[in-house]
Protein backbone atom coordinates (compact mmCIF):
# COMPACT_ATOMS: atom_id res chain seq x y z
CA MET A 1 15.93 -39.71 11.04
CA GLU A 2 17.29 -41.93 8.30
CA THR A 3 20.93 -40.93 8.11
CA TYR A 4 23.46 -38.71 9.81
CA LYS A 5 23.40 -36.31 6.85
CA GLN A 6 19.63 -36.04 6.89
CA TYR A 7 19.69 -35.31 10.60
CA LYS A 8 22.42 -32.70 10.19
CA ASN A 9 20.41 -31.05 7.44
CA LEU A 10 17.40 -30.95 9.75
CA LEU A 11 19.47 -29.24 12.43
CA GLN A 12 20.96 -26.77 9.97
CA SER A 13 17.46 -25.80 8.86
CA LYS A 14 16.85 -24.79 12.49
CA ASN A 15 20.25 -23.10 12.88
CA LEU A 16 21.44 -25.77 15.30
CA PRO A 17 24.90 -27.40 15.18
CA LEU A 18 25.92 -31.02 15.62
CA TYR A 19 29.33 -31.21 17.28
CA GLN A 20 30.25 -34.64 15.97
CA LEU A 21 32.34 -35.67 12.98
CA GLU A 22 30.51 -38.01 10.60
CA GLU A 23 33.59 -40.22 10.22
CA GLU A 24 33.62 -40.80 13.99
CA ILE A 25 30.00 -40.76 15.11
CA VAL A 26 28.56 -43.01 12.37
CA PRO A 27 30.83 -46.03 13.08
CA CYS A 28 30.41 -45.33 16.80
CA LEU A 29 26.62 -45.54 16.48
CA ASP A 30 26.96 -48.73 14.44
CA PHE A 31 29.10 -50.26 17.20
CA VAL A 32 26.66 -49.21 19.92
CA THR A 33 23.65 -50.51 17.98
CA ASN A 34 25.31 -53.87 17.37
CA HIS A 35 26.40 -54.11 21.01
CA PHE A 36 22.80 -53.82 22.24
CA GLN A 37 21.25 -55.88 19.46
CA GLY A 38 18.39 -58.01 20.70
CA GLN A 39 17.51 -55.85 23.71
CA THR A 40 13.91 -54.72 24.05
CA SER A 41 14.67 -51.69 26.20
CA ILE A 42 17.61 -49.44 26.96
CA LYS A 43 18.48 -46.65 29.36
CA PHE A 44 21.18 -44.19 28.38
CA MET A 45 22.53 -40.97 29.81
CA GLU A 46 24.59 -38.08 28.51
CA ILE A 47 26.47 -35.52 30.60
CA GLY A 48 26.99 -32.27 28.71
CA LEU A 49 24.32 -31.82 26.04
CA ALA A 50 25.16 -28.40 24.52
CA PHE A 51 22.05 -27.98 22.32
CA GLY A 52 21.00 -31.62 22.70
CA ALA A 53 21.76 -32.76 19.14
CA ASN A 54 24.05 -35.68 20.04
CA PHE A 55 21.67 -36.79 22.79
CA VAL A 56 18.80 -36.97 20.31
CA LEU A 57 20.99 -38.58 17.65
CA PHE A 58 21.79 -41.44 20.03
CA GLY A 59 18.26 -41.86 21.31
CA ASN A 60 16.58 -41.80 17.92
CA THR A 61 19.18 -44.14 16.43
CA LEU A 62 18.75 -46.67 19.25
CA LEU A 63 14.99 -46.47 18.79
CA LYS A 64 15.34 -47.88 15.27
CA THR A 65 16.22 -51.31 16.66
CA ILE A 66 15.15 -51.16 20.32
CA PRO A 67 11.42 -50.71 21.06
CA GLN A 68 11.79 -48.85 24.34
CA VAL A 69 14.44 -46.15 24.78
CA CYS A 70 14.73 -43.85 27.78
CA GLY A 71 17.34 -41.10 28.02
CA ILE A 72 18.60 -38.91 30.84
CA GLY A 73 20.36 -35.67 29.99
CA VAL A 74 22.37 -33.62 32.50
CA ASP A 75 23.71 -30.14 31.82
CA MET A 76 24.43 -26.86 33.56
CA PRO A 77 21.85 -24.07 33.85
CA THR A 78 22.63 -21.21 31.51
CA THR A 79 20.75 -18.60 29.53
CA LYS A 80 23.02 -19.15 26.53
CA ARG A 81 23.89 -22.41 24.89
CA TRP A 82 27.12 -22.57 22.90
CA GLY A 83 27.46 -19.49 20.71
CA SER A 84 25.01 -16.62 20.81
CA ARG A 85 21.68 -18.43 21.05
CA SER A 86 19.56 -17.62 24.06
CA ASP A 87 17.16 -20.57 23.79
CA SER A 88 16.99 -22.82 26.83
CA LEU A 89 18.28 -26.38 26.54
CA ALA A 90 14.73 -27.65 26.92
CA GLU A 91 13.75 -25.59 23.86
CA THR A 92 16.65 -26.58 21.62
CA LEU A 93 16.33 -30.21 22.69
CA GLU A 94 12.74 -30.30 21.45
CA MET A 95 13.85 -28.63 18.22
CA CYS A 96 16.13 -31.64 17.65
CA GLU A 97 12.95 -33.76 17.44
CA PRO A 98 13.50 -36.56 19.97
CA LYS A 99 11.27 -39.58 19.36
CA PHE A 100 12.11 -41.35 22.63
CA ASP A 101 11.23 -40.78 26.26
CA TYR A 102 13.71 -38.64 28.16
CA ASN A 103 14.25 -36.66 31.33
CA LEU A 104 16.29 -33.46 31.42
CA ILE A 105 18.14 -32.67 34.65
CA ILE A 106 19.59 -29.18 35.00
CA GLY A 107 22.51 -28.63 37.35
CA SER A 108 26.15 -29.52 37.95
CA SER A 109 26.73 -33.24 37.49
CA ARG A 110 29.12 -33.13 40.47
CA HIS A 111 26.51 -31.91 42.97
CA ASN A 112 25.02 -34.53 45.27
CA LYS A 113 21.48 -33.37 44.56
CA ILE A 114 21.98 -34.01 40.84
CA VAL A 115 23.50 -37.44 41.46
CA ASN A 116 20.47 -38.24 43.64
CA LYS A 117 18.09 -37.01 40.93
CA VAL A 118 19.71 -39.36 38.45
CA LYS A 119 19.53 -42.21 40.95
CA ASN A 120 15.84 -41.53 41.61
CA ASN A 121 15.16 -41.28 37.90
CA LEU A 122 16.69 -44.69 37.31
CA SER A 123 14.49 -46.26 40.00
CA ASN A 124 17.12 -48.86 40.89
CA GLN A 125 17.57 -49.82 37.23
CA PRO A 126 21.10 -49.64 35.75
CA LEU A 127 22.22 -47.62 32.78
CA ASP A 128 23.13 -49.46 29.60
CA LEU A 129 25.12 -46.54 28.21
CA LEU A 130 26.77 -43.44 29.66
CA PHE A 131 28.18 -40.69 27.42
CA ILE A 132 30.52 -38.27 29.23
CA ASP A 133 30.96 -34.98 27.39
CA GLY A 134 30.68 -32.34 30.10
CA ASP A 135 33.41 -30.43 31.94
CA HIS A 136 36.66 -31.43 30.20
CA SER A 137 38.90 -30.37 33.09
CA LYS A 138 40.68 -32.90 35.30
CA ILE A 139 38.15 -32.70 38.11
CA GLY A 140 35.27 -32.56 35.62
CA CYS A 141 35.87 -35.74 33.63
CA THR A 142 37.31 -37.77 36.50
CA GLU A 143 34.43 -36.94 38.84
CA ASP A 144 31.80 -37.61 36.19
CA PHE A 145 33.34 -41.04 35.71
CA ARG A 146 33.66 -41.71 39.44
CA LEU A 147 30.12 -40.64 40.24
CA TYR A 148 28.20 -42.16 37.34
CA SER A 149 30.12 -45.18 36.06
CA PRO A 150 28.77 -47.28 38.99
CA PHE A 151 25.29 -46.76 37.54
CA VAL A 152 26.31 -48.60 34.35
CA ARG A 153 25.60 -52.33 34.31
CA ASP A 154 28.21 -54.97 33.63
CA GLY A 155 28.43 -55.29 29.87
CA GLY A 156 27.27 -51.71 29.42
CA LEU A 157 29.16 -48.96 27.62
CA ILE A 158 30.86 -45.79 28.88
CA LEU A 159 31.69 -43.27 26.17
CA PHE A 160 33.99 -40.25 26.26
CA HIS A 161 34.07 -37.50 23.67
CA ASP A 162 37.27 -35.60 22.83
CA ILE A 163 39.74 -38.34 23.70
CA LYS A 164 42.46 -36.84 21.53
CA GLY A 165 45.09 -34.56 23.02
CA GLN A 166 44.84 -30.79 22.94
CA PRO A 167 48.01 -28.66 22.92
CA HIS A 168 46.81 -25.95 25.31
CA GLY A 169 44.48 -25.21 28.19
CA SER A 170 43.04 -27.32 30.99
CA PHE A 171 41.69 -30.00 28.64
CA TYR A 172 42.27 -33.31 30.46
CA VAL A 173 40.00 -35.89 28.83
CA TRP A 174 42.72 -37.34 26.63
CA LYS A 175 45.02 -37.94 29.60
CA PHE A 176 42.26 -39.56 31.62
CA TRP A 177 41.28 -41.71 28.65
CA LYS A 178 44.84 -43.02 28.35
CA THR A 179 44.67 -44.18 31.96
CA LEU A 180 41.21 -45.72 31.68
CA LYS A 181 41.65 -47.63 28.45
CA SER A 182 44.45 -49.70 29.93
CA GLN A 183 41.93 -51.05 32.46
CA TYR A 184 39.03 -51.93 30.16
CA LYS A 185 38.25 -53.56 26.88
CA HIS A 186 37.77 -50.57 24.64
CA VAL A 187 37.41 -49.21 21.13
CA GLU A 188 38.26 -45.81 19.66
CA PHE A 189 36.77 -43.83 16.78
CA SER A 190 39.08 -41.02 15.74
CA ILE A 191 40.31 -39.47 12.51
CA GLN A 192 42.50 -36.71 13.95
CA LYS A 193 45.77 -36.63 15.85
CA GLU A 194 44.50 -33.84 18.07
CA GLY A 195 40.96 -33.00 19.05
CA ASN A 196 37.63 -34.83 18.89
CA GLY A 197 37.59 -38.62 18.94
CA ILE A 198 35.16 -40.95 20.72
CA GLY A 199 36.30 -43.67 23.11
CA ILE A 200 34.13 -46.53 24.35
CA LEU A 201 34.83 -48.57 27.46
CA ILE A 202 33.08 -51.92 27.78
CA LYS A 203 32.32 -52.40 31.46
């Protein structure tokens, strides 16, 4: 993929959405790419893939400047992705045209067996980047951070999606982000007062 717009057009041709705002994800990807400049390999992980578009966007973008990219994706088992599609995640992920090596792990990120699968997949190697975009409830986002942030190396990045407040429901990411960012060097990419937004912690 050459640009965000070209990639989004590719997805639209396959009736697949990309749940990221261009004004947020493009500068975020630029920051991430610059942060890892000079590395020859990278391991990244995303929790909560939906159709897999953001996962592939990150992996393919990193592959432009880093020769070896390996991704781990974790998501819940379901017969329906967001909306009315009945394709499996494995199917839609391939439709997004990943050009990097990846492993897909299906199950709740909070279950011990899934944590162990991730650990085994890493083979005692740390993650460079972790993107948390799964269960947005209090227990969901806090447990994903507690369980998987130790896998990220010092100097690595931990990203959260949807760091902006929501007026209703059990959405908790924005509250958790407020707590976390006071403890880490961080950067935010957001164009809205409520909803969306990407936050990056530098471990």
